[in-house]
Protein backbone atom coordinates (compact mmCIF):
# COMPACT_ATOMS: atom_id res chain seq x y z
CA MET A 1 -0.06 0.11 0.03
CA ARG A 2 1.46 3.45 -0.80
CA LEU A 3 0.21 7.01 -0.77
CA LEU A 4 -0.56 9.08 -3.83
CA SER A 5 0.01 12.80 -4.45
CA LEU A 6 -3.14 14.65 -3.90
CA SER A 7 -4.36 17.63 -5.92
CA LEU A 8 -5.94 20.28 -3.63
CA CYS A 9 -8.62 22.67 -4.62
CA VAL A 10 -7.65 26.41 -3.49
CA ALA A 11 -8.49 26.66 0.29
CA VAL A 12 -8.41 29.55 2.44
CA CYS A 13 -8.82 28.33 6.13
CA THR A 14 -7.31 29.01 9.35
CA ALA A 15 -9.03 26.42 11.84
CA LEU A 16 -10.83 23.27 12.31
CA ILE A 17 -11.99 21.35 9.00
CA ASN A 18 -15.13 19.43 9.48
CA PRO A 19 -16.15 16.54 9.11
CA ILE A 20 -13.33 15.19 11.11
CA LEU A 21 -14.49 11.60 9.92
CA PRO A 22 -15.39 12.21 6.41
CA GLY A 23 -17.86 9.72 4.69
CA TRP A 24 -20.51 7.84 6.77
CA ASN A 25 -19.56 7.64 10.46
CA PRO A 26 -22.71 8.27 12.40
CA ASP A 27 -23.56 8.26 15.95
CA PRO A 28 -20.11 9.18 17.13
CA SER A 29 -19.16 8.41 20.94
CA ILE A 30 -15.98 9.91 22.28
CA LEU A 31 -13.70 9.52 25.45
CA ARG A 32 -10.33 10.67 26.59
CA VAL A 33 -7.86 8.55 28.50
CA GLY A 34 -4.85 10.61 29.65
CA LYS A 35 -3.54 12.25 26.37
CA ASP A 36 -5.40 9.91 24.15
CA TYR A 37 -8.73 10.26 22.38
CA PHE A 38 -10.99 7.55 21.28
CA LEU A 39 -14.10 7.61 19.23
CA ALA A 40 -16.41 4.85 17.89
CA THR A 41 -19.21 5.03 15.31
CA SER A 42 -21.84 2.71 13.91
CA THR A 43 -21.43 0.18 11.24
CA PHE A 44 -24.98 -1.24 10.97
CA GLU A 45 -25.06 -4.60 8.72
CA GLN A 46 -21.34 -4.20 7.83
CA PHE A 47 -18.87 -6.35 9.45
CA PRO A 48 -16.61 -5.74 11.51
CA GLY A 49 -18.52 -3.61 13.77
CA HIS A 50 -17.88 -0.34 15.49
CA PRO A 51 -14.74 1.27 14.36
CA ILE A 52 -12.51 2.57 17.05
CA TYR A 53 -10.60 5.64 15.93
CA HIS A 54 -7.80 7.09 17.92
CA SER A 55 -6.26 10.78 18.15
CA THR A 56 -3.80 12.97 20.39
CA ASP A 57 -5.18 16.30 19.14
CA LEU A 58 -8.89 15.77 18.22
CA VAL A 59 -8.08 16.67 14.39
CA GLN A 60 -5.93 13.73 13.21
CA TRP A 61 -7.81 10.41 13.63
CA LYS A 62 -6.59 6.68 12.69
CA CYS A 63 -8.79 3.70 12.74
CA ILE A 64 -6.96 1.32 15.05
CA GLY A 65 -9.41 -1.55 14.82
CA HIS A 66 -12.96 -2.63 15.65
CA ALA A 67 -14.80 -3.65 18.91
CA LEU A 68 -16.84 -6.46 17.10
CA SER A 69 -14.53 -8.45 14.85
CA ARG A 70 -15.45 -11.98 15.56
CA VAL A 71 -18.43 -14.01 14.71
CA SER A 72 -18.84 -15.06 18.34
CA GLN A 73 -19.58 -11.46 19.11
CA ILE A 74 -21.95 -10.62 16.47
CA PRO A 75 -23.43 -13.09 13.95
CA LEU A 76 -24.95 -11.29 11.25
CA PHE A 77 -25.49 -14.27 8.75
CA GLY A 78 -28.16 -13.89 6.24
CA SER A 79 -31.12 -12.15 7.07
CA GLY A 80 -29.93 -11.41 10.68
CA GLY A 81 -28.79 -8.06 9.50
CA PRO A 82 -31.39 -6.50 7.19
CA PRO A 83 -30.46 -3.23 5.57
CA ASP A 84 -29.71 -0.36 8.05
CA GLY A 85 -30.31 -3.00 10.77
CA GLY A 86 -27.41 -4.67 12.37
CA ILE A 87 -25.09 -2.86 14.91
CA TRP A 88 -26.73 0.47 16.03
CA ALA A 89 -25.15 3.40 17.88
CA PRO A 90 -22.00 2.55 20.29
CA GLY A 91 -21.28 4.15 23.63
CA LEU A 92 -17.67 4.06 24.30
CA ARG A 93 -16.60 4.44 27.99
CA TYR A 94 -13.59 3.78 30.42
CA HIS A 95 -13.37 2.76 34.06
CA LYS A 96 -10.54 1.86 36.07
CA GLY A 97 -8.33 0.30 33.58
CA THR A 98 -11.11 -1.00 31.31
CA PHE A 99 -12.63 0.12 28.07
CA TYR A 100 -16.47 -0.28 27.54
CA LEU A 101 -18.23 -0.39 24.19
CA ALA A 102 -21.97 -0.60 24.76
CA THR A 103 -24.27 -1.41 21.90
CA ALA A 104 -27.23 -3.28 20.33
CA SER A 105 -28.01 -5.31 17.37
CA ARG A 106 -31.14 -4.91 15.41
CA PHE A 107 -31.53 -8.30 14.17
CA VAL A 108 -35.08 -7.54 13.16
CA TYR A 109 -35.65 -4.16 11.54
CA GLY A 110 -37.65 -4.11 8.50
CA PRO A 111 -41.13 -3.40 7.09
CA GLU A 112 -42.53 -6.92 8.51
CA ALA A 113 -41.44 -6.35 12.07
CA LYS A 114 -39.29 -3.84 14.15
CA LEU A 115 -38.41 -5.68 17.41
CA MET A 116 -36.35 -3.93 20.14
CA SER A 117 -33.03 -5.36 20.50
CA ARG A 118 -31.08 -6.55 23.68
CA PRO A 119 -28.41 -4.34 24.56
CA PHE A 120 -24.94 -5.57 25.47
CA PHE A 121 -21.47 -4.33 25.98
CA VAL A 122 -17.81 -5.87 25.32
CA THR A 123 -14.50 -4.89 27.19
CA THR A 124 -10.92 -4.56 26.70
CA GLN A 125 -7.99 -3.67 28.80
CA ASP A 126 -5.86 -2.77 25.87
CA ILE A 127 -7.82 -0.70 23.06
CA PHE A 128 -4.81 -0.92 20.89
CA SER A 129 -4.73 -4.67 20.74
CA ASN A 130 -8.11 -4.91 18.84
CA VAL A 131 -9.03 -7.84 21.19
CA TRP A 132 -12.30 -7.40 22.85
CA SER A 133 -14.40 -9.57 24.99
CA ASP A 134 -17.50 -11.69 24.01
CA PRO A 135 -20.71 -9.82 24.61
CA ILE A 136 -22.18 -9.46 28.15
CA TYR A 137 -25.91 -8.97 27.69
CA LEU A 138 -28.37 -6.72 29.54
CA ASP A 139 -31.77 -7.91 30.72
CA SER A 140 -33.55 -4.86 28.92
CA LEU A 141 -34.83 -4.38 25.49
CA GLY A 142 -33.60 -1.29 23.75
CA TYR A 143 -30.76 0.58 21.91
CA ASP A 144 -28.17 3.20 22.08
CA LEU A 145 -26.98 2.03 25.66
CA ASP A 146 -24.95 4.15 27.81
CA LEU A 147 -23.02 3.08 30.69
CA PHE A 148 -22.30 5.47 33.54
CA TRP A 149 -20.25 4.84 36.84
CA ASP A 150 -21.36 6.97 39.84
CA SER A 151 -19.06 8.14 42.46
CA ASN A 152 -20.29 5.54 44.99
CA GLY A 153 -19.59 2.67 42.62
CA ASP A 154 -23.13 2.08 41.20
CA VAL A 155 -23.20 1.41 37.55
CA TYR A 156 -26.43 2.71 35.64
CA ALA A 157 -27.53 1.36 32.25
CA THR A 158 -29.34 4.00 30.40
CA TRP A 159 -30.90 3.30 26.93
CA SER A 160 -33.80 4.29 24.43
CA GLY A 161 -36.81 2.00 24.49
CA ILE A 162 -40.54 2.08 23.83
CA ASN A 163 -43.63 1.97 26.03
CA ASN A 164 -45.19 -0.93 24.16
CA SER A 165 -45.18 -2.64 20.66
CA VAL A 166 -48.50 -0.95 19.48
CA ASP A 167 -47.98 2.79 20.61
CA ARG A 168 -44.37 2.71 20.17
CA ILE A 169 -43.88 6.08 22.12
CA TYR A 170 -39.90 6.28 22.84
CA GLY A 171 -38.36 7.37 26.01
CA ILE A 172 -35.12 7.12 28.04
CA TYR A 173 -35.08 4.05 30.31
CA GLN A 174 -32.56 3.11 33.04
CA HIS A 175 -31.65 0.67 35.60
CA LYS A 176 -28.55 -0.35 37.82
CA ILE A 177 -26.51 -3.18 36.76
CA ASP A 178 -23.99 -5.65 37.94
CA ILE A 179 -21.19 -4.80 35.62
CA ALA A 180 -19.74 -8.21 35.98
CA THR A 181 -22.83 -10.10 34.51
CA GLY A 182 -25.11 -7.29 33.09
CA ASP A 183 -27.89 -8.46 35.17
CA ALA A 184 -30.37 -5.85 36.49
CA LEU A 185 -30.21 -4.79 40.17
CA THR A 186 -33.12 -2.45 40.02
CA PRO A 187 -36.42 -2.31 38.14
CA THR A 188 -36.41 -0.72 34.87
CA THR A 189 -37.91 2.90 35.20
CA GLU A 190 -38.42 5.66 32.43
CA ILE A 191 -36.39 8.61 33.58
CA TYR A 192 -36.89 11.13 30.65
CA THR A 193 -38.84 11.91 27.49
CA GLY A 194 -36.95 14.89 26.32
CA ILE A 195 -38.43 18.29 25.41
CA LEU A 196 -40.45 17.51 22.25
CA PRO A 197 -44.05 16.47 22.38
CA GLN A 198 -44.30 12.93 23.53
CA ASN A 199 -45.25 11.16 20.30
CA SER A 200 -44.11 8.51 18.00
CA SER A 201 -42.02 11.07 16.16
CA ALA A 202 -40.15 12.54 19.02
CA ARG A 203 -37.83 9.53 19.41
CA PRO A 204 -35.54 10.42 22.37
CA GLU A 205 -32.44 8.25 22.07
CA GLY A 206 -28.62 8.26 22.25
CA PRO A 207 -28.38 8.99 25.97
CA HIS A 208 -25.12 9.89 27.61
CA LEU A 209 -24.68 10.47 31.39
CA TYR A 210 -22.08 12.72 32.98
CA HIS A 211 -21.31 14.06 36.47
CA ILE A 212 -19.75 17.47 36.07
CA GLY A 213 -19.48 19.72 39.18
CA GLN A 214 -22.65 19.48 41.39
CA TYR A 215 -24.91 18.14 38.70
CA TYR A 216 -25.47 15.02 36.38
CA TYR A 217 -26.08 15.80 32.94
CA LEU A 218 -28.16 13.89 30.44
CA LEU A 219 -27.46 14.55 26.76
CA ILE A 220 -29.81 12.89 24.26
CA ALA A 221 -30.83 13.03 20.53
CA GLU A 222 -34.43 13.82 19.50
CA GLY A 223 -36.69 14.28 16.42
CA GLY A 224 -35.71 11.14 14.43
CA THR A 225 -32.65 11.00 12.18
CA SER A 226 -33.25 13.47 9.47
CA ALA A 227 -34.09 17.42 9.21
CA PRO A 228 -35.53 17.76 12.85
CA HIS A 229 -32.66 15.62 14.52
CA ARG A 230 -31.07 17.50 17.39
CA ALA A 231 -29.30 17.28 20.53
CA THR A 232 -30.75 18.57 23.84
CA VAL A 233 -29.36 18.55 27.51
CA ALA A 234 -31.02 18.51 30.95
CA ARG A 235 -29.42 18.31 34.40
CA GLY A 236 -30.38 16.89 37.95
CA PRO A 237 -29.28 16.25 41.37
CA THR A 238 -29.18 12.25 40.68
CA PRO A 239 -28.19 10.05 37.80
CA SER A 240 -32.09 9.30 37.54
CA GLY A 241 -33.27 13.01 37.70
CA PRO A 242 -35.59 14.78 38.11
CA TRP A 243 -34.45 16.72 35.27
CA THR A 244 -34.32 20.43 34.40
CA PHE A 245 -34.21 21.48 30.82
CA SER A 246 -31.23 23.60 29.57
CA PRO A 247 -32.62 27.27 28.78
CA HIS A 248 -30.16 27.02 25.77
CA ASN A 249 -31.55 23.89 24.22
CA PRO A 250 -31.08 22.68 21.77
CA LEU A 251 -27.45 22.11 22.21
CA VAL A 252 -26.95 21.44 18.51
CA TYR A 253 -29.72 21.95 15.95
CA ASN A 254 -28.04 23.74 12.92
CA ILE A 255 -31.14 24.28 10.88
CA GLY A 256 -33.04 25.77 13.90
CA LEU A 257 -30.55 28.57 13.95
CA ASP A 258 -30.08 28.76 10.19
CA PRO A 259 -32.72 27.04 7.82
CA ASN A 260 -30.19 27.31 5.04
CA ALA A 261 -27.13 25.89 7.03
CA ALA A 262 -24.80 23.53 4.80
CA VAL A 263 -24.41 21.09 7.62
CA ARG A 264 -27.89 19.58 8.59
CA TRP A 265 -29.62 16.58 10.30
CA THR A 266 -27.23 17.51 13.19
CA GLY A 267 -27.53 15.47 16.63
CA HIS A 268 -26.46 12.51 18.52
CA ALA A 269 -23.74 14.24 20.53
CA ASP A 270 -21.19 13.50 22.98
CA LEU A 271 -18.79 15.50 25.16
CA VAL A 272 -15.21 15.33 26.07
CA GLN A 273 -12.69 17.45 27.96
CA THR A 274 -9.31 18.05 27.19
CA PRO A 275 -6.49 17.55 29.55
CA THR A 276 -6.05 21.46 29.91
CA GLY A 277 -9.82 21.90 30.86
CA GLU A 278 -11.29 22.83 27.67
CA TRP A 279 -14.41 21.11 26.41
CA PHE A 280 -15.40 19.58 22.85
CA GLY A 281 -18.49 17.85 21.31
CA THR A 282 -18.99 15.36 18.74
CA MET A 283 -21.99 15.04 16.60
CA LEU A 284 -23.21 13.50 13.45
CA GLY A 285 -24.49 15.58 10.45
CA THR A 286 -25.05 15.50 6.82
CA ARG A 287 -24.07 18.00 3.95
CA PRO A 288 -26.60 17.84 1.27
CA GLN A 289 -25.26 18.67 -2.15
CA GLY A 290 -26.79 21.91 -3.69
CA GLY A 291 -28.99 22.16 -0.70
CA ASN A 292 -30.85 19.09 -1.97
CA GLU A 293 -31.74 16.56 0.86
CA SER A 294 -31.99 13.93 -1.79
CA HIS A 295 -28.43 14.09 -2.55
CA ILE A 296 -26.42 13.09 0.74
CA SER A 297 -24.67 10.10 -0.77
CA LEU A 298 -21.93 10.31 2.10
CA GLY A 299 -24.68 9.97 4.67
CA ARG A 300 -24.33 10.97 8.11
CA GLU A 301 -20.56 12.03 9.13
CA THR A 302 -18.83 12.90 12.26
CA PHE A 303 -18.19 16.53 13.15
CA LEU A 304 -16.37 18.33 15.94
CA TYR A 305 -17.19 21.64 17.81
CA PRO A 306 -16.18 23.44 20.84
CA VAL A 307 -18.18 23.71 24.04
CA THR A 308 -18.37 26.45 26.52
CA TRP A 309 -20.24 26.55 29.68
CA THR A 310 -22.34 29.44 30.98
CA GLN A 311 -21.75 30.96 34.43
CA ASP A 312 -24.78 28.76 35.84
CA GLY A 313 -23.55 25.67 34.40
CA TRP A 314 -25.03 24.90 30.97
CA PRO A 315 -23.01 23.80 27.84
CA ILE A 316 -23.23 25.85 24.73
CA ALA A 317 -21.98 24.39 21.39
CA ASN A 318 -19.73 26.53 19.04
CA GLY A 319 -20.64 29.74 20.68
CA GLY A 320 -24.40 29.41 19.98
CA LYS A 321 -23.72 29.26 16.09
CA PRO A 322 -24.27 26.61 13.72
CA VAL A 323 -21.56 23.97 13.55
CA THR A 324 -19.80 24.39 10.05
CA GLU A 325 -17.26 22.75 7.80
CA HIS A 326 -14.98 25.29 8.86
CA ILE A 327 -14.80 26.73 12.53
CA PRO A 328 -12.36 29.72 12.77
CA ASP A 329 -9.68 29.90 15.68
CA VAL A 330 -10.33 26.23 16.88
CA LEU A 331 -7.43 23.68 16.91
CA TYR A 332 -5.73 23.71 13.55
CA ASP A 333 -6.10 23.06 9.70
CA LYS A 334 -5.66 19.52 8.49
CA SER A 335 -7.80 17.87 6.04
CA PRO A 336 -8.87 14.33 7.00
CA LEU A 337 -8.94 13.53 3.19
CA ALA A 338 -6.27 11.52 1.65
CA PRO A 339 -5.70 9.57 -1.60
CA TYR A 340 -5.60 5.71 -1.09
CA MET A 341 -3.80 3.34 -3.10
CA ASN A 342 -3.40 -0.59 -2.17
CA GLU A 343 -1.75 -2.92 -4.72
CA PHE A 344 -2.06 -5.82 -2.17
CA LYS A 345 1.61 -6.78 -2.22
CA SER A 346 1.53 -8.65 0.97
CA LYS A 347 -1.25 -10.32 3.23
CA LYS A 348 -0.83 -7.31 5.60
CA ASP A 349 -2.02 -5.13 2.90
CA LEU A 350 -5.55 -6.68 3.29
CA SER A 351 -5.40 -8.26 6.87
CA SER A 352 -4.18 -5.23 8.56
CA ASP A 353 -6.15 -2.63 6.58
CA THR A 354 -8.78 -1.39 9.14
CA SER A 355 -10.77 0.47 6.25
CA PHE A 356 -12.24 -2.53 4.80
CA TYR A 357 -15.68 -3.93 5.16
CA TYR A 358 -18.00 -6.94 4.43
CA VAL A 359 -21.62 -7.00 4.19
CA ARG A 360 -22.60 -9.12 7.15
CA THR A 361 -20.56 -11.85 8.56
CA GLN A 362 -19.12 -14.07 6.16
CA TYR A 363 -19.71 -17.89 6.23
CA LYS A 364 -16.07 -18.46 5.11
CA PRO A 365 -13.22 -16.16 3.86
CA PHE A 366 -13.33 -15.26 0.29
CA ALA A 367 -10.74 -12.24 0.12
CA SER A 368 -7.15 -12.98 -0.11
CA VAL A 369 -3.84 -11.73 -1.57
CA ALA A 370 -2.24 -13.36 -4.70
CA SER A 371 1.38 -14.66 -4.51
CA GLY A 372 2.50 -12.18 -7.12
CA GLY A 373 0.39 -9.19 -5.74
CA GLY A 374 -3.11 -8.21 -6.15
CA LEU A 375 -6.43 -8.87 -4.60
CA VAL A 376 -8.22 -12.25 -5.19
CA LEU A 377 -12.09 -12.63 -4.54
CA LYS A 378 -13.38 -16.12 -4.71
CA GLY A 379 -17.00 -15.89 -5.72
CA ASN A 380 -20.20 -17.33 -4.09
CA ALA A 381 -23.72 -17.75 -5.29
CA TYR A 382 -25.06 -14.71 -3.65
CA ASN A 383 -25.60 -11.59 -5.76
CA LEU A 384 -25.30 -7.93 -4.68
CA SER A 385 -29.05 -7.69 -4.50
CA ASP A 386 -29.59 -10.75 -2.16
CA ARG A 387 -29.96 -10.08 1.61
CA ASP A 388 -27.14 -12.31 2.63
CA ALA A 389 -23.31 -12.16 2.57
CA PRO A 390 -21.99 -11.67 -1.21
CA ALA A 391 -18.34 -11.78 -2.03
CA LEU A 392 -18.04 -8.13 -1.75
CA LEU A 393 -15.48 -6.11 -0.30
CA LEU A 394 -16.31 -2.47 0.62
CA ARG A 395 -14.64 0.74 1.62
CA ARG A 396 -16.26 4.00 2.41
CA GLN A 397 -16.60 6.86 -0.11
CA SER A 398 -14.77 9.72 1.78
CA ALA A 399 -15.46 12.97 -0.57
CA TYR A 400 -18.46 14.08 -2.61
CA GLU A 401 -15.99 14.15 -5.59
CA GLU A 402 -13.91 11.18 -5.71
CA THR A 403 -12.66 8.62 -8.27
CA PHE A 404 -12.49 4.86 -7.52
CA GLU A 405 -10.86 2.72 -9.81
CA THR A 406 -9.40 -0.96 -10.28
CA ARG A 407 -7.96 -3.32 -12.77
CA LEU A 408 -9.64 -6.63 -13.28
CA ASP A 409 -6.99 -9.11 -14.43
CA ALA A 410 -7.45 -12.00 -16.91
CA PHE A 411 -10.93 -12.46 -15.90
CA ALA A 412 -12.61 -15.24 -18.06
CA PRO A 413 -16.14 -15.88 -17.33
CA ALA A 414 -17.36 -19.41 -17.88
CA THR A 415 -20.88 -18.69 -18.12
CA ASN A 416 -23.24 -15.52 -18.09
CA TRP A 417 -23.97 -16.33 -14.47
CA THR A 418 -20.30 -15.56 -13.47
CA GLU A 419 -19.57 -11.85 -12.79
CA ALA A 420 -17.03 -9.80 -11.21
CA GLY A 421 -16.40 -5.95 -11.12
CA LEU A 422 -16.94 -2.76 -9.07
CA SER A 423 -19.68 -1.52 -7.02
CA VAL A 424 -21.06 2.01 -5.86
CA TRP A 425 -22.91 0.44 -2.85
CA TYR A 426 -25.28 1.45 -0.10
CA GLY A 427 -27.25 -1.75 0.33
CA GLU A 428 -28.90 -4.49 -1.50
CA PHE A 429 -31.76 -2.01 -2.63
CA LEU A 430 -29.42 0.80 -3.62
CA HIS A 431 -26.21 0.02 -5.68
CA HIS A 432 -24.88 0.56 -9.08
CA ASP A 433 -22.20 -1.94 -10.59
CA ILE A 434 -19.97 -2.38 -13.50
CA GLY A 435 -18.33 -5.67 -14.31
CA VAL A 436 -17.15 -8.45 -16.57
CA THR A 437 -19.48 -11.20 -17.63
CA LEU A 438 -20.30 -13.53 -20.49
CA ASP A 439 -22.69 -12.38 -23.29
CA PRO A 440 -26.16 -13.68 -22.17
CA ALA A 441 -27.30 -13.87 -25.90
CA GLY A 442 -24.93 -16.77 -26.29
CA SER A 443 -22.24 -15.25 -28.36
CA GLY A 444 -19.45 -16.84 -26.10
CA LYS A 445 -17.80 -13.36 -25.80
CA ARG A 446 -17.11 -11.24 -23.03
CA VAL A 447 -19.25 -8.25 -22.11
CA ILE A 448 -19.17 -5.30 -19.82
CA ILE A 449 -22.36 -5.57 -17.79
CA THR A 450 -23.71 -2.18 -16.22
CA ARG A 451 -26.43 -2.43 -13.53
CA THR A 452 -28.13 0.49 -12.17
CA LEU A 453 -30.82 0.19 -9.58
CA THR A 454 -33.03 3.22 -10.53
CA TYR A 455 -36.44 2.02 -10.02
CA PRO A 456 -36.57 0.11 -12.25
CA THR A 457 -33.23 -1.62 -12.53
CA VAL A 458 -31.75 -0.93 -15.94
CA ILE A 459 -28.99 -3.58 -17.27
CA THR A 460 -26.83 -2.83 -20.43
CA TYR A 461 -24.12 -5.04 -22.10
CA THR A 462 -21.10 -3.56 -23.97
CA PRO A 463 -18.91 -5.71 -26.05
CA LEU A 464 -15.20 -6.44 -25.19
CA LYS A 465 -12.65 -7.10 -27.66
CA SER A 466 -10.48 -9.82 -25.96
CA ALA A 467 -11.54 -13.16 -24.34
CA SER A 468 -9.54 -12.61 -21.05
CA GLY A 469 -7.63 -9.29 -21.38
CA ASN A 470 -7.24 -7.04 -18.64
CA VAL A 471 -10.24 -4.50 -17.94
CA ARG A 472 -10.00 -1.42 -15.89
CA LEU A 473 -13.15 -0.35 -14.17
CA ARG A 474 -13.87 3.06 -12.71
CA ALA A 475 -16.47 4.98 -10.92
CA VAL A 476 -16.35 8.88 -10.51
CA ALA A 477 -18.40 10.49 -8.00
CA GLN A 478 -19.77 14.10 -8.46
CA SER A 479 -21.46 15.88 -5.76
CA THR A 480 -25.08 14.61 -7.25
CA SER A 481 -24.18 11.72 -9.59
CA TYR A 482 -21.89 8.82 -10.26
CA THR A 483 -20.32 7.98 -13.58
CA LEU A 484 -19.42 4.25 -14.61
CA GLY A 485 -16.90 3.37 -17.12
CA PHE A 486 -14.24 0.80 -18.31
CA ALA A 487 -11.08 0.91 -20.40
CA GLU A 488 -9.85 -2.19 -22.20
CA GLY A 489 -6.35 -3.38 -22.22
CA ASP A 490 -3.98 -0.53 -23.01
CA ASP A 491 -6.81 2.02 -23.89
CA GLU A 492 -6.17 5.21 -22.14
CA GLU A 493 -9.70 6.51 -22.47
CA PHE A 494 -12.41 5.17 -20.43
CA THR A 495 -15.75 4.55 -22.11
CA THR A 496 -18.70 5.51 -20.09
CA THR A 497 -21.50 3.12 -19.73
CA ALA A 498 -23.80 5.07 -17.34
CA THR A 499 -24.34 8.08 -15.19
CA VAL A 500 -26.72 7.65 -12.36
CA ASP A 501 -28.33 10.41 -10.05
CA ALA A 502 -27.06 10.37 -6.37
CA TYR A 503 -30.67 10.16 -5.38
CA TYR A 504 -30.57 6.47 -5.98
CA VAL A 505 -27.94 5.71 -3.20
CA THR A 506 -29.58 8.58 -0.83
CA VAL A 507 -33.39 7.79 -1.05
CA PRO A 508 -34.38 4.33 0.14
CA PRO A 509 -37.42 2.45 -1.42
CA PRO A 510 -40.87 2.36 0.62
CA ASN A 511 -40.51 1.30 4.11
CA GLY A 512 -36.73 1.70 3.93
CA ALA A 513 -34.22 3.30 5.94
CA PHE A 514 -31.29 5.78 5.29
CA PHE A 515 -28.66 5.32 8.20
CA LYS A 516 -25.52 4.66 6.28
CA GLY A 517 -23.83 6.08 3.18
CA THR A 518 -22.05 5.04 0.06
CA SER A 519 -19.18 2.83 -0.04
CA PHE A 520 -17.17 1.45 -2.99
CA GLY A 521 -16.79 -2.22 -3.57
CA LEU A 522 -15.33 -5.08 -5.46
CA TYR A 523 -17.25 -8.33 -6.07
CA ASN A 524 -17.27 -11.58 -7.59
CA THR A 525 -20.81 -13.55 -8.03
CA GLY A 526 -22.36 -16.73 -9.47
CA ASN A 527 -25.58 -14.98 -9.26
CA GLY A 528 -27.33 -17.96 -7.66
CA ARG A 529 -24.81 -20.67 -8.62
CA ALA A 530 -21.40 -21.61 -7.45
CA THR A 531 -18.55 -19.99 -9.54
CA LEU A 532 -15.11 -21.69 -9.93
CA VAL A 533 -13.61 -18.58 -11.52
CA LYS A 534 -11.52 -16.19 -9.13
CA ALA A 535 -11.45 -12.59 -9.82
CA ARG A 536 -8.15 -10.90 -9.41
CA PHE A 537 -7.93 -7.08 -8.96
CA ALA A 538 -4.55 -5.65 -9.41
CA TYR A 539 -5.13 -2.63 -7.00
CA TRP A 540 -7.56 -0.39 -5.35
CA LYS A 541 -7.32 3.42 -5.98
CA GLN A 542 -9.61 6.03 -4.32
CA ILE A 543 -8.70 9.70 -5.19
CA PRO A 544 -10.80 12.21 -3.11
CA VAL A 545 -10.99 16.01 -4.21
CA VAL A 546 -10.41 18.23 -1.18
CA PRO A 547 -12.96 20.96 -1.36
CA ALA A 548 -12.40 24.78 -0.99
CA VAL A 549 -13.34 25.82 2.39
CA ASN A 550 -13.66 29.27 3.37
CA ALA A 551 -13.70 31.02 6.62
CA GLN A 552 -17.37 31.30 7.92
């Protein structure tokens, strides 16, 4: 793996650049231990679960592993992880030498049923080891679990749940637990309902408890997951309340401050204090392109902002102003975007790269490194529209303007069922692919297959000249579209086969959800049948364009 030179757009900026984690990284939870900051985000049906990011300055972050990386921790086989189900928001905490990652898995989350999940947590004493325990399950049902240790040693589990399966009115619930077993020690109590009207759309969730000074603070998310999303705060004399609303609520709610804000859907916040006593917050947010909320292909990203406190002890985010892509006089300038090139010259280029993901947990390994270099994918019978575990390797798109390219070497499909290529992927209902297969008309020749799921699906075939020559495949992301193309052999110019509106990786089908964002992927499939033809990809290249960011 090697770095490439990166061409930057002209930028005039003097401070913090947001998002700090570009590309979909929703539901951030942050903590500090000594000089080290750690942050976890959601992964839903992708595996491994919950990336752990590390920083020493809150600006430059590196993924050091995942809290859920074994099937024994989270088996997401088949329909065990429907689109946007799987692993939801984490709560990352530390107590007396042990790190805790609290979470829940929505095994059933679809039009047919939406059952509450059973929360659990995993632990490690060495967060850099990438080795976490098997789950310890709670006795409750809900999600967005938070763990809090009071000064007397009591441990409080706090989460989002519903009153019943009919009305489905959400609230914040709590009980004390035995941290060794997860067993409840006190009855479950609803402790808070937020500041919005108490109905099914309010959805108080994402609770985090803090003991700061003389008060206990409860920070939650409210308003669902789209435009009305926000973070609000309350405080009280105990970890269970009673609660007094902040007069400065919401803590973050960009469109409440500016209806035309470039950063929207802001909420699901967490707080952290620096060693020198300053406070910062994280939150999720989106960046609709052209102000159009149907073009948010990167999904919900992680943003950082300064927090100050009023004289009477209430937190204020970013001085009461909207959180922006550039916050002057905060920390320092450093774009998180970087080019990526992996030629898979050694096994570590695959096994040690923490940026790769699978769709659900795999039944058995399908990705390897060839002896002479290159990524080899052994196909299976699942195709990219099956709700299961196709032979698809993913890496997140990081910029709205970004080029993803690979070269498929000497791929000779045996039948028109055999197919390998490149995908712009959100989920089985939202993906756009370009690959190599055999002509379904029976000519016996190879063709480029281009598939766009645009309601209805459109499939085209473009002839190739050679029977087994190398083919470069490319997806070019623009702010509101994707262009798919190929170049055969030594051809320098790419032939465009489709341009698709980014609407079709942003707006889900009826009864669907939009919790993630777009990833790029490479795949090999037998389309319902076993395939004996392995696919070798020479490299994986992503080149993001760093946008011009002006002081705001």
